[in-house]
Amino acid sequence: YVPREVVRLVLCGELPSCSAMARRVVSVTFVDLEGFSTLCGRLSSEHLVHLTHSYLQAMCEVIDNSGGTLDKFIGDCIMALWNAPRPLENHEGAAAGAVLDLQAR
């Protein structure tokens, strides 16, 4: 998976080459469904696919709307980061706000 924003930056030439990249502080979060393993044994595969898709879609929308970047899916877990690939002022606040929104959903 490559986030849409990263693809756009690469195609527009706005993402620096590896030799020009620099270290930066980022905010990172991991989010997953509590009790997902237990659910897997109780739900039909069709219902599980629908539930997982709905969950991932809703979570990714919150991350995207807060200026975050989806890094990867790890089963039902989502890894997201803020302040990369593009700089984001107050990335800590944006990430914290997104986490609160994620929990509310």
PDB file of N, CA and C in Angstrom:
ATOM      1  N   TYR A   1       0.836  -1.179   0.000  1.00  0.00           N
ATOM      2  CA  TYR A   1       0.000   0.000   0.000  1.00  0.00           C
ATOM      3  C   TYR A   1       0.877   1.237   0.000  1.00  0.00           C
ATOM      4  N   VAL A   2       0.533   2.172  -0.880  1.00  0.00           N
ATOM      5  CA  VAL A   2       1.208   3.472  -0.902  1.00  0.00           C
ATOM      6  C   VAL A   2       0.124   4.538  -0.791  1.00  0.00           C
ATOM      7  N   PRO A   3       0.192   5.390   0.228  1.00  0.00           N
ATOM      8  CA  PRO A   3      -0.831   6.421   0.400  1.00  0.00           C
ATOM      9  C   PRO A   3      -0.961   7.316  -0.823  1.00  0.00           C
ATOM     10  N   ARG A   4      -2.182   7.703  -1.125  1.00  0.00           N
ATOM     11  CA  ARG A   4      -2.487   8.553  -2.283  1.00  0.00           C
ATOM     12  C   ARG A   4      -1.636   9.818  -2.276  1.00  0.00           C
ATOM     13  N   GLU A   5      -1.471  10.445  -1.120  1.00  0.00           N
ATOM     14  CA  GLU A   5      -0.690  11.684  -1.021  1.00  0.00           C
ATOM     15  C   GLU A   5       0.768  11.442  -1.388  1.00  0.00           C
ATOM     16  N   VAL A   6       1.332  10.318  -0.992  1.00  0.00           N
ATOM     17  CA  VAL A   6       2.724  10.002  -1.332  1.00  0.00           C
ATOM     18  C   VAL A   6       2.863   9.803  -2.839  1.00  0.00           C
ATOM     19  N   VAL A   7       1.926   9.103  -3.447  1.00  0.00           N
ATOM     20  CA  VAL A   7       1.954   8.908  -4.904  1.00  0.00           C
ATOM     21  C   VAL A   7       1.905  10.262  -5.607  1.00  0.00           C
ATOM     22  N   ARG A   8       1.004  11.138  -5.150  1.00  0.00           N
ATOM     23  CA  ARG A   8       0.880  12.460  -5.756  1.00  0.00           C
ATOM     24  C   ARG A   8       2.184  13.243  -5.636  1.00  0.00           C
ATOM     25  N   LEU A   9       2.811  13.203  -4.459  1.00  0.00           N
ATOM     26  CA  LEU A   9       4.071  13.925  -4.248  1.00  0.00           C
ATOM     27  C   LEU A   9       5.183  13.383  -5.136  1.00  0.00           C
ATOM     28  N   VAL A  10       5.231  12.069  -5.289  1.00  0.00           N
ATOM     29  CA  VAL A  10       6.265  11.464  -6.143  1.00  0.00           C
ATOM     30  C   VAL A  10       6.036  11.877  -7.596  1.00  0.00           C
ATOM     31  N   LEU A  11       4.799  11.768  -8.072  1.00  0.00           N
ATOM     32  CA  LEU A  11       4.495  12.093  -9.464  1.00  0.00           C
ATOM     33  C   LEU A  11       4.715  13.566  -9.781  1.00  0.00           C
ATOM     34  N   CYS A  12       4.507  14.432  -8.804  1.00  0.00           N
ATOM     35  CA  CYS A  12       4.702  15.878  -9.002  1.00  0.00           C
ATOM     36  C   CYS A  12       6.142  16.303  -8.762  1.00  0.00           C
ATOM     37  N   GLY A  13       6.984  15.374  -8.346  1.00  0.00           N
ATOM     38  CA  GLY A  13       8.375  15.702  -8.082  1.00  0.00           C
ATOM     39  C   GLY A  13       8.580  16.496  -6.808  1.00  0.00           C
ATOM     40  N   GLU A  14       7.588  16.462  -5.890  1.00  0.00           N
ATOM     41  CA  GLU A  14       7.680  17.235  -4.652  1.00  0.00           C
ATOM     42  C   GLU A  14       8.308  16.466  -3.504  1.00  0.00           C
ATOM     43  N   LEU A  15       8.547  15.180  -3.682  1.00  0.00           N
ATOM     44  CA  LEU A  15       9.160  14.375  -2.633  1.00  0.00           C
ATOM     45  C   LEU A  15      10.657  14.307  -2.913  1.00  0.00           C
ATOM     46  N   PRO A  16      11.489  14.667  -1.948  1.00  0.00           N
ATOM     47  CA  PRO A  16      12.935  14.673  -2.200  1.00  0.00           C
ATOM     48  C   PRO A  16      13.468  13.267  -2.422  1.00  0.00           C
ATOM     49  N   SER A  17      14.588  13.207  -3.144  1.00  0.00           N
ATOM     50  CA  SER A  17      15.223  11.909  -3.353  1.00  0.00           C
ATOM     51  C   SER A  17      15.775  11.399  -2.031  1.00  0.00           C
ATOM     52  N   CYS A  18      16.116  10.132  -1.988  1.00  0.00           N
ATOM     53  CA  CYS A  18      16.641   9.533  -0.755  1.00  0.00           C
ATOM     54  C   CYS A  18      17.885  10.260  -0.264  1.00  0.00           C
ATOM     55  N   SER A  19      18.713  10.723  -1.178  1.00  0.00           N
ATOM     56  CA  SER A  19      19.945  11.402  -0.768  1.00  0.00           C
ATOM     57  C   SER A  19      19.658  12.769  -0.157  1.00  0.00           C
ATOM     58  N   ALA A  20      18.484  13.341  -0.454  1.00  0.00           N
ATOM     59  CA  ALA A  20      18.155  14.663   0.071  1.00  0.00           C
ATOM     60  C   ALA A  20      17.275  14.598   1.318  1.00  0.00           C
ATOM     61  N   MET A  21      16.897  13.417   1.714  1.00  0.00           N
ATOM     62  CA  MET A  21      16.019  13.284   2.875  1.00  0.00           C
ATOM     63  C   MET A  21      16.766  13.592   4.157  1.00  0.00           C
ATOM     64  N   ALA A  22      16.026  14.113   5.117  1.00  0.00           N
ATOM     65  CA  ALA A  22      16.609  14.459   6.408  1.00  0.00           C
ATOM     66  C   ALA A  22      15.762  13.841   7.517  1.00  0.00           C
ATOM     67  N   ARG A  23      16.372  13.686   8.669  1.00  0.00           N
ATOM     68  CA  ARG A  23      15.625  13.193   9.832  1.00  0.00           C
ATOM     69  C   ARG A  23      14.665  14.265  10.297  1.00  0.00           C
ATOM     70  N   ARG A  24      13.524  13.811  10.805  1.00  0.00           N
ATOM     71  CA  ARG A  24      12.581  14.751  11.409  1.00  0.00           C
ATOM     72  C   ARG A  24      11.772  14.030  12.473  1.00  0.00           C
ATOM     73  N   VAL A  25      11.269  14.784  13.385  1.00  0.00           N
ATOM     74  CA  VAL A  25      10.413  14.243  14.434  1.00  0.00           C
ATOM     75  C   VAL A  25       9.030  14.053  13.835  1.00  0.00           C
ATOM     76  N   VAL A  26       8.450  12.883  14.075  1.00  0.00           N
ATOM     77  CA  VAL A  26       7.091  12.605  13.615  1.00  0.00           C
ATOM     78  C   VAL A  26       6.259  12.122  14.798  1.00  0.00           C
ATOM     79  N   SER A  27       4.962  12.228  14.660  1.00  0.00           N
ATOM     80  CA  SER A  27       4.040  11.662  15.641  1.00  0.00           C
ATOM     81  C   SER A  27       3.471  10.394  15.021  1.00  0.00           C
ATOM     82  N   VAL A  28       3.462   9.304  15.788  1.00  0.00           N
ATOM     83  CA  VAL A  28       3.034   8.002  15.281  1.00  0.00           C
ATOM     84  C   VAL A  28       1.970   7.432  16.204  1.00  0.00           C
ATOM     85  N   THR A  29       0.994   6.758  15.614  1.00  0.00           N
ATOM     86  CA  THR A  29       0.009   6.043  16.413  1.00  0.00           C
ATOM     87  C   THR A  29      -0.296   4.696  15.781  1.00  0.00           C
ATOM     88  N   PHE A  30      -0.650   3.762  16.634  1.00  0.00           N
ATOM     89  CA  PHE A  30      -1.134   2.451  16.220  1.00  0.00           C
ATOM     90  C   PHE A  30      -2.536   2.311  16.772  1.00  0.00           C
ATOM     91  N   VAL A  31      -3.467   1.904  15.931  1.00  0.00           N
ATOM     92  CA  VAL A  31      -4.866   1.776  16.326  1.00  0.00           C
ATOM     93  C   VAL A  31      -5.359   0.408  15.890  1.00  0.00           C
ATOM     94  N   ASP A  32      -6.042  -0.294  16.802  1.00  0.00           N
ATOM     95  CA  ASP A  32      -6.637  -1.564  16.392  1.00  0.00           C
ATOM     96  C   ASP A  32      -7.963  -1.784  17.105  1.00  0.00           C
ATOM     97  N   LEU A  33      -8.688  -2.781  16.639  1.00  0.00           N
ATOM     98  CA  LEU A  33      -9.984  -3.127  17.212  1.00  0.00           C
ATOM     99  C   LEU A  33      -9.786  -4.000  18.438  1.00  0.00           C
ATOM    100  N   GLU A  34     -10.300  -3.559  19.561  1.00  0.00           N
ATOM    101  CA  GLU A  34     -10.226  -4.362  20.779  1.00  0.00           C
ATOM    102  C   GLU A  34     -11.101  -5.605  20.597  1.00  0.00           C
ATOM    103  N   GLY A  35     -10.554  -6.768  20.905  1.00  0.00           N
ATOM    104  CA  GLY A  35     -11.311  -8.011  20.820  1.00  0.00           C
ATOM    105  C   GLY A  35     -11.478  -8.555  19.412  1.00  0.00           C
ATOM    106  N   PHE A  36     -10.674  -8.083  18.473  1.00  0.00           N
ATOM    107  CA  PHE A  36     -10.820  -8.512  17.077  1.00  0.00           C
ATOM    108  C   PHE A  36     -10.614 -10.012  16.915  1.00  0.00           C
ATOM    109  N   SER A  37      -9.620 -10.563  17.580  1.00  0.00           N
ATOM    110  CA  SER A  37      -9.356 -12.009  17.457  1.00  0.00           C
ATOM    111  C   SER A  37     -10.551 -12.828  17.913  1.00  0.00           C
ATOM    112  N   THR A  38     -11.187 -12.395  18.989  1.00  0.00           N
ATOM    113  CA  THR A  38     -12.378 -13.092  19.479  1.00  0.00           C
ATOM    114  C   THR A  38     -13.517 -12.980  18.470  1.00  0.00           C
ATOM    115  N   LEU A  39     -13.681 -11.795  17.885  1.00  0.00           N
ATOM    116  CA  LEU A  39     -14.717 -11.593  16.868  1.00  0.00           C
ATOM    117  C   LEU A  39     -14.531 -12.516  15.672  1.00  0.00           C
ATOM    118  N   CYS A  40     -13.293 -12.752  15.307  1.00  0.00           N
ATOM    119  CA  CYS A  40     -13.006 -13.598  14.136  1.00  0.00           C
ATOM    120  C   CYS A  40     -13.618 -14.984  14.284  1.00  0.00           C
ATOM    121  N   GLY A  41     -13.650 -15.485  15.505  1.00  0.00           N
ATOM    122  CA  GLY A  41     -14.207 -16.813  15.730  1.00  0.00           C
ATOM    123  C   GLY A  41     -15.720 -16.835  15.845  1.00  0.00           C
ATOM    124  N   ARG A  42     -16.323 -15.673  15.978  1.00  0.00           N
ATOM    125  CA  ARG A  42     -17.783 -15.598  16.197  1.00  0.00           C
ATOM    126  C   ARG A  42     -18.573 -15.160  14.979  1.00  0.00           C
ATOM    127  N   LEU A  43     -17.948 -14.436  14.067  1.00  0.00           N
ATOM    128  CA  LEU A  43     -18.672 -13.866  12.930  1.00  0.00           C
ATOM    129  C   LEU A  43     -18.423 -14.664  11.658  1.00  0.00           C
ATOM    130  N   SER A  44     -19.373 -14.606  10.750  1.00  0.00           N
ATOM    131  CA  SER A  44     -19.162 -15.215   9.430  1.00  0.00           C
ATOM    132  C   SER A  44     -18.087 -14.411   8.707  1.00  0.00           C
ATOM    133  N   SER A  45     -17.448 -15.029   7.756  1.00  0.00           N
ATOM    134  CA  SER A  45     -16.386 -14.328   7.027  1.00  0.00           C
ATOM    135  C   SER A  45     -16.946 -13.108   6.292  1.00  0.00           C
ATOM    136  N   GLU A  46     -18.166 -13.210   5.772  1.00  0.00           N
ATOM    137  CA  GLU A  46     -18.772 -12.077   5.071  1.00  0.00           C
ATOM    138  C   GLU A  46     -18.995 -10.896   6.025  1.00  0.00           C
ATOM    139  N   HIS A  47     -19.509 -11.197   7.204  1.00  0.00           N
ATOM    140  CA  HIS A  47     -19.756 -10.136   8.183  1.00  0.00           C
ATOM    141  C   HIS A  47     -18.433  -9.541   8.664  1.00  0.00           C
ATOM    142  N   LEU A  48     -17.441 -10.370   8.858  1.00  0.00           N
ATOM    143  CA  LEU A  48     -16.130  -9.916   9.310  1.00  0.00           C
ATOM    144  C   LEU A  48     -15.481  -8.996   8.269  1.00  0.00           C
ATOM    145  N   VAL A  49     -15.583  -9.360   7.005  1.00  0.00           N
ATOM    146  CA  VAL A  49     -15.026  -8.525   5.937  1.00  0.00           C
ATOM    147  C   VAL A  49     -15.730  -7.170   5.912  1.00  0.00           C
ATOM    148  N   HIS A  50     -17.056  -7.174   6.020  1.00  0.00           N
ATOM    149  CA  HIS A  50     -17.823  -5.927   6.015  1.00  0.00           C
ATOM    150  C   HIS A  50     -17.438  -5.052   7.215  1.00  0.00           C
ATOM    151  N   LEU A  51     -17.367  -5.649   8.383  1.00  0.00           N
ATOM    152  CA  LEU A  51     -17.005  -4.918   9.596  1.00  0.00           C
ATOM    153  C   LEU A  51     -15.602  -4.325   9.483  1.00  0.00           C
ATOM    154  N   THR A  52     -14.654  -5.125   9.042  1.00  0.00           N
ATOM    155  CA  THR A  52     -13.263  -4.670   8.919  1.00  0.00           C
ATOM    156  C   THR A  52     -13.150  -3.541   7.905  1.00  0.00           C
ATOM    157  N   HIS A  53     -13.806  -3.695   6.782  1.00  0.00           N
ATOM    158  CA  HIS A  53     -13.762  -2.653   5.742  1.00  0.00           C
ATOM    159  C   HIS A  53     -14.345  -1.343   6.270  1.00  0.00           C
ATOM    160  N   SER A  54     -15.494  -1.420   6.925  1.00  0.00           N
ATOM    161  CA  SER A  54     -16.135  -0.217   7.467  1.00  0.00           C
ATOM    162  C   SER A  54     -15.242   0.462   8.504  1.00  0.00           C
ATOM    163  N   TYR A  55     -14.659  -0.343   9.380  1.00  0.00           N
ATOM    164  CA  TYR A  55     -13.765   0.172  10.420  1.00  0.00           C
ATOM    165  C   TYR A  55     -12.540   0.859   9.812  1.00  0.00           C
ATOM    166  N   LEU A  56     -11.858   0.170   8.896  1.00  0.00           N
ATOM    167  CA  LEU A  56     -10.644   0.730   8.301  1.00  0.00           C
ATOM    168  C   LEU A  56     -10.953   2.002   7.524  1.00  0.00           C
ATOM    169  N   GLN A  57     -12.057   2.013   6.810  1.00  0.00           N
ATOM    170  CA  GLN A  57     -12.440   3.191   6.036  1.00  0.00           C
ATOM    171  C   GLN A  57     -12.703   4.383   6.957  1.00  0.00           C
ATOM    172  N   ALA A  58     -13.440   4.174   8.034  1.00  0.00           N
ATOM    173  CA  ALA A  58     -13.745   5.258   8.971  1.00  0.00           C
ATOM    174  C   ALA A  58     -12.475   5.787   9.642  1.00  0.00           C
ATOM    175  N   MET A  59     -11.589   4.884  10.058  1.00  0.00           N
ATOM    176  CA  MET A  59     -10.363   5.301  10.728  1.00  0.00           C
ATOM    177  C   MET A  59      -9.451   6.073   9.783  1.00  0.00           C
ATOM    178  N   CYS A  60      -9.334   5.602   8.548  1.00  0.00           N
ATOM    179  CA  CYS A  60      -8.467   6.267   7.572  1.00  0.00           C
ATOM    180  C   CYS A  60      -8.991   7.655   7.227  1.00  0.00           C
ATOM    181  N   GLU A  61     -10.297   7.825   7.231  1.00  0.00           N
ATOM    182  CA  GLU A  61     -10.891   9.135   6.974  1.00  0.00           C
ATOM    183  C   GLU A  61     -10.482  10.130   8.065  1.00  0.00           C
ATOM    184  N   VAL A  62     -10.524   9.701   9.310  1.00  0.00           N
ATOM    185  CA  VAL A  62     -10.119  10.569  10.424  1.00  0.00           C
ATOM    186  C   VAL A  62      -8.638  10.928  10.292  1.00  0.00           C
ATOM    187  N   ILE A  63      -7.812   9.950  10.010  1.00  0.00           N
ATOM    188  CA  ILE A  63      -6.369  10.184   9.872  1.00  0.00           C
ATOM    189  C   ILE A  63      -6.097  11.170   8.747  1.00  0.00           C
ATOM    190  N   ASP A  64      -6.726  10.948   7.607  1.00  0.00           N
ATOM    191  CA  ASP A  64      -6.533  11.812   6.446  1.00  0.00           C
ATOM    192  C   ASP A  64      -7.004  13.239   6.739  1.00  0.00           C
ATOM    193  N   ASN A  65      -8.164  13.371   7.360  1.00  0.00           N
ATOM    194  CA  ASN A  65      -8.718  14.702   7.652  1.00  0.00           C
ATOM    195  C   ASN A  65      -7.878  15.483   8.657  1.00  0.00           C
ATOM    196  N   SER A  66      -7.067  14.790   9.445  1.00  0.00           N
ATOM    197  CA  SER A  66      -6.231  15.469  10.441  1.00  0.00           C
ATOM    198  C   SER A  66      -4.831  15.789   9.913  1.00  0.00           C
ATOM    199  N   GLY A  67      -4.589  15.476   8.646  1.00  0.00           N
ATOM    200  CA  GLY A  67      -3.273  15.738   8.065  1.00  0.00           C
ATOM    201  C   GLY A  67      -2.298  14.602   8.248  1.00  0.00           C
ATOM    202  N   GLY A  68      -2.787  13.463   8.747  1.00  0.00           N
ATOM    203  CA  GLY A  68      -1.933  12.300   8.947  1.00  0.00           C
ATOM    204  C   GLY A  68      -1.748  11.505   7.666  1.00  0.00           C
ATOM    205  N   THR A  69      -0.806  10.585   7.718  1.00  0.00           N
ATOM    206  CA  THR A  69      -0.521   9.694   6.596  1.00  0.00           C
ATOM    207  C   THR A  69      -0.657   8.262   7.065  1.00  0.00           C
ATOM    208  N   LEU A  70      -1.459   7.488   6.378  1.00  0.00           N
ATOM    209  CA  LEU A  70      -1.565   6.066   6.667  1.00  0.00           C
ATOM    210  C   LEU A  70      -0.249   5.418   6.255  1.00  0.00           C
ATOM    211  N   ASP A  71       0.413   4.766   7.188  1.00  0.00           N
ATOM    212  CA  ASP A  71       1.671   4.095   6.866  1.00  0.00           C
ATOM    213  C   ASP A  71       1.427   2.669   6.428  1.00  0.00           C
ATOM    214  N   LYS A  72       0.615   1.931   7.210  1.00  0.00           N
ATOM    215  CA  LYS A  72       0.360   0.538   6.835  1.00  0.00           C
ATOM    216  C   LYS A  72      -0.784  -0.042   7.638  1.00  0.00           C
ATOM    217  N   PHE A  73      -1.327  -1.129   7.105  1.00  0.00           N
ATOM    218  CA  PHE A  73      -2.282  -1.961   7.820  1.00  0.00           C
ATOM    219  C   PHE A  73      -1.518  -3.167   8.334  1.00  0.00           C
ATOM    220  N   ILE A  74      -1.779  -3.554   9.565  1.00  0.00           N
ATOM    221  CA  ILE A  74      -1.171  -4.744  10.162  1.00  0.00           C
ATOM    222  C   ILE A  74      -2.339  -5.554  10.726  1.00  0.00           C
ATOM    223  N   GLY A  75      -2.947  -6.368   9.887  1.00  0.00           N
ATOM    224  CA  GLY A  75      -4.176  -7.048  10.293  1.00  0.00           C
ATOM    225  C   GLY A  75      -5.256  -6.005  10.501  1.00  0.00           C
ATOM    226  N   ASP A  76      -5.852  -5.956  11.696  1.00  0.00           N
ATOM    227  CA  ASP A  76      -6.854  -4.942  12.002  1.00  0.00           C
ATOM    228  C   ASP A  76      -6.221  -3.665  12.552  1.00  0.00           C
ATOM    229  N   CYS A  77      -4.911  -3.635  12.635  1.00  0.00           N
ATOM    230  CA  CYS A  77      -4.182  -2.481  13.168  1.00  0.00           C
ATOM    231  C   CYS A  77      -3.828  -1.508  12.039  1.00  0.00           C
ATOM    232  N   ILE A  78      -3.860  -0.241  12.382  1.00  0.00           N
ATOM    233  CA  ILE A  78      -3.458   0.818  11.457  1.00  0.00           C
ATOM    234  C   ILE A  78      -2.283   1.558  12.078  1.00  0.00           C
ATOM    235  N   MET A  79      -1.238   1.765  11.293  1.00  0.00           N
ATOM    236  CA  MET A  79      -0.116   2.604  11.718  1.00  0.00           C
ATOM    237  C   MET A  79      -0.209   3.897  10.912  1.00  0.00           C
ATOM    238  N   ALA A  80      -0.249   5.010  11.625  1.00  0.00           N
ATOM    239  CA  ALA A  80      -0.343   6.313  10.965  1.00  0.00           C
ATOM    240  C   ALA A  80       0.700   7.253  11.545  1.00  0.00           C
ATOM    241  N   LEU A  81       1.083   8.248  10.751  1.00  0.00           N
ATOM    242  CA  LEU A  81       2.057   9.223  11.215  1.00  0.00           C
ATOM    243  C   LEU A  81       1.706  10.609  10.731  1.00  0.00           C
ATOM    244  N   TRP A  82       2.214  11.583  11.449  1.00  0.00           N
ATOM    245  CA  TRP A  82       2.005  12.990  11.141  1.00  0.00           C
ATOM    246  C   TRP A  82       3.361  13.665  11.051  1.00  0.00           C
ATOM    247  N   ASN A  83       3.504  14.616  10.151  1.00  0.00           N
ATOM    248  CA  ASN A  83       4.725  15.383   9.882  1.00  0.00           C
ATOM    249  C   ASN A  83       5.616  14.688   8.859  1.00  0.00           C
ATOM    250  N   ALA A  84       5.058  13.770   8.109  1.00  0.00           N
ATOM    251  CA  ALA A  84       5.772  13.118   7.006  1.00  0.00           C
ATOM    252  C   ALA A  84       4.721  12.493   6.092  1.00  0.00           C
ATOM    253  N   PRO A  85       4.880  12.480   4.813  1.00  0.00           N
ATOM    254  CA  PRO A  85       6.055  12.956   4.086  1.00  0.00           C
ATOM    255  C   PRO A  85       6.132  14.474   3.987  1.00  0.00           C
ATOM    256  N   ARG A  86       5.028  15.141   4.286  1.00  0.00           N
ATOM    257  CA  ARG A  86       5.031  16.604   4.263  1.00  0.00           C
ATOM    258  C   ARG A  86       5.101  17.149   5.679  1.00  0.00           C
ATOM    259  N   PRO A  87       5.800  18.255   5.868  1.00  0.00           N
ATOM    260  CA  PRO A  87       5.835  18.880   7.196  1.00  0.00           C
ATOM    261  C   PRO A  87       4.431  19.326   7.607  1.00  0.00           C
ATOM    262  N   LEU A  88       4.133  19.200   8.890  1.00  0.00           N
ATOM    263  CA  LEU A  88       2.836  19.608   9.419  1.00  0.00           C
ATOM    264  C   LEU A  88       3.077  20.330  10.737  1.00  0.00           C
ATOM    265  N   GLU A  89       2.760  21.620  10.755  1.00  0.00           N
ATOM    266  CA  GLU A  89       2.890  22.373  12.004  1.00  0.00           C
ATOM    267  C   GLU A  89       1.977  21.763  13.048  1.00  0.00           C
ATOM    268  N   ASN A  90       2.431  21.739  14.277  1.00  0.00           N
ATOM    269  CA  ASN A  90       1.672  21.183  15.389  1.00  0.00           C
ATOM    270  C   ASN A  90       1.212  19.750  15.104  1.00  0.00           C
ATOM    271  N   HIS A  91       2.125  18.948  14.555  1.00  0.00           N
ATOM    272  CA  HIS A  91       1.771  17.557  14.252  1.00  0.00           C
ATOM    273  C   HIS A  91       1.400  16.787  15.503  1.00  0.00           C
ATOM    274  N   GLU A  92       1.992  17.179  16.642  1.00  0.00           N
ATOM    275  CA  GLU A  92       1.651  16.508  17.898  1.00  0.00           C
ATOM    276  C   GLU A  92       0.177  16.727  18.248  1.00  0.00           C
ATOM    277  N   GLY A  93      -0.278  17.967  18.115  1.00  0.00           N
ATOM    278  CA  GLY A  93      -1.674  18.294  18.390  1.00  0.00           C
ATOM    279  C   GLY A  93      -2.621  17.637  17.397  1.00  0.00           C
ATOM    280  N   ALA A  94      -2.214  17.614  16.127  1.00  0.00           N
ATOM    281  CA  ALA A  94      -3.043  16.980  15.099  1.00  0.00           C
ATOM    282  C   ALA A  94      -3.182  15.482  15.372  1.00  0.00           C
ATOM    283  N   ALA A  95      -2.076  14.845  15.753  1.00  0.00           N
ATOM    284  CA  ALA A  95      -2.115  13.409  16.052  1.00  0.00           C
ATOM    285  C   ALA A  95      -2.966  13.126  17.288  1.00  0.00           C
ATOM    286  N   ALA A  96      -2.786  13.927  18.327  1.00  0.00           N
ATOM    287  CA  ALA A  96      -3.561  13.735  19.558  1.00  0.00           C
ATOM    288  C   ALA A  96      -5.052  13.936  19.296  1.00  0.00           C
ATOM    289  N   GLY A  97      -5.396  14.957  18.530  1.00  0.00           N
ATOM    290  CA  GLY A  97      -6.792  15.198  18.180  1.00  0.00           C
ATOM    291  C   GLY A  97      -7.376  14.055  17.367  1.00  0.00           C
ATOM    292  N   ALA A  98      -6.574  13.531  16.447  1.00  0.00           N
ATOM    293  CA  ALA A  98      -7.030  12.405  15.632  1.00  0.00           C
ATOM    294  C   ALA A  98      -7.268  11.175  16.495  1.00  0.00           C
ATOM    295  N   VAL A  99      -6.380  10.922  17.433  1.00  0.00           N
ATOM    296  CA  VAL A  99      -6.549   9.757  18.322  1.00  0.00           C
ATOM    297  C   VAL A  99      -7.845   9.874  19.117  1.00  0.00           C
ATOM    298  N   LEU A 100      -8.141  11.063  19.614  1.00  0.00           N
ATOM    299  CA  LEU A 100      -9.397  11.263  20.349  1.00  0.00           C
ATOM    300  C   LEU A 100     -10.597  11.026  19.427  1.00  0.00           C
ATOM    301  N   ASP A 101     -10.510  11.501  18.187  1.00  0.00           N
ATOM    302  CA  ASP A 101     -11.587  11.265  17.227  1.00  0.00           C
ATOM    303  C   ASP A 101     -11.714   9.772  16.895  1.00  0.00           C
ATOM    304  N   LEU A 102     -10.585   9.088  16.776  1.00  0.00           N
ATOM    305  CA  LEU A 102     -10.593   7.658  16.479  1.00  0.00           C
ATOM    306  C   LEU A 102     -11.279   6.885  17.614  1.00  0.00           C
ATOM    307  N   GLN A 103     -10.957   7.249  18.846  1.00  0.00           N
ATOM    308  CA  GLN A 103     -11.565   6.587  19.988  1.00  0.00           C
ATOM    309  C   GLN A 103     -13.062   6.840  20.068  1.00  0.00           C
ATOM    310  N   ALA A 104     -13.479   8.032  19.677  1.00  0.00           N
ATOM    311  CA  ALA A 104     -14.897   8.388  19.735  1.00  0.00           C
ATOM    312  C   ALA A 104     -15.726   7.586  18.730  1.00  0.00           C
ATOM    313  N   ARG A 105     -15.103   7.169  17.663  1.00  0.00           N
ATOM    314  CA  ARG A 105     -15.830   6.408  16.650  1.00  0.00           C
ATOM    315  C   ARG A 105     -15.983   4.988  17.117  1.00  0.00           C
TER     316      ARG A 105
END
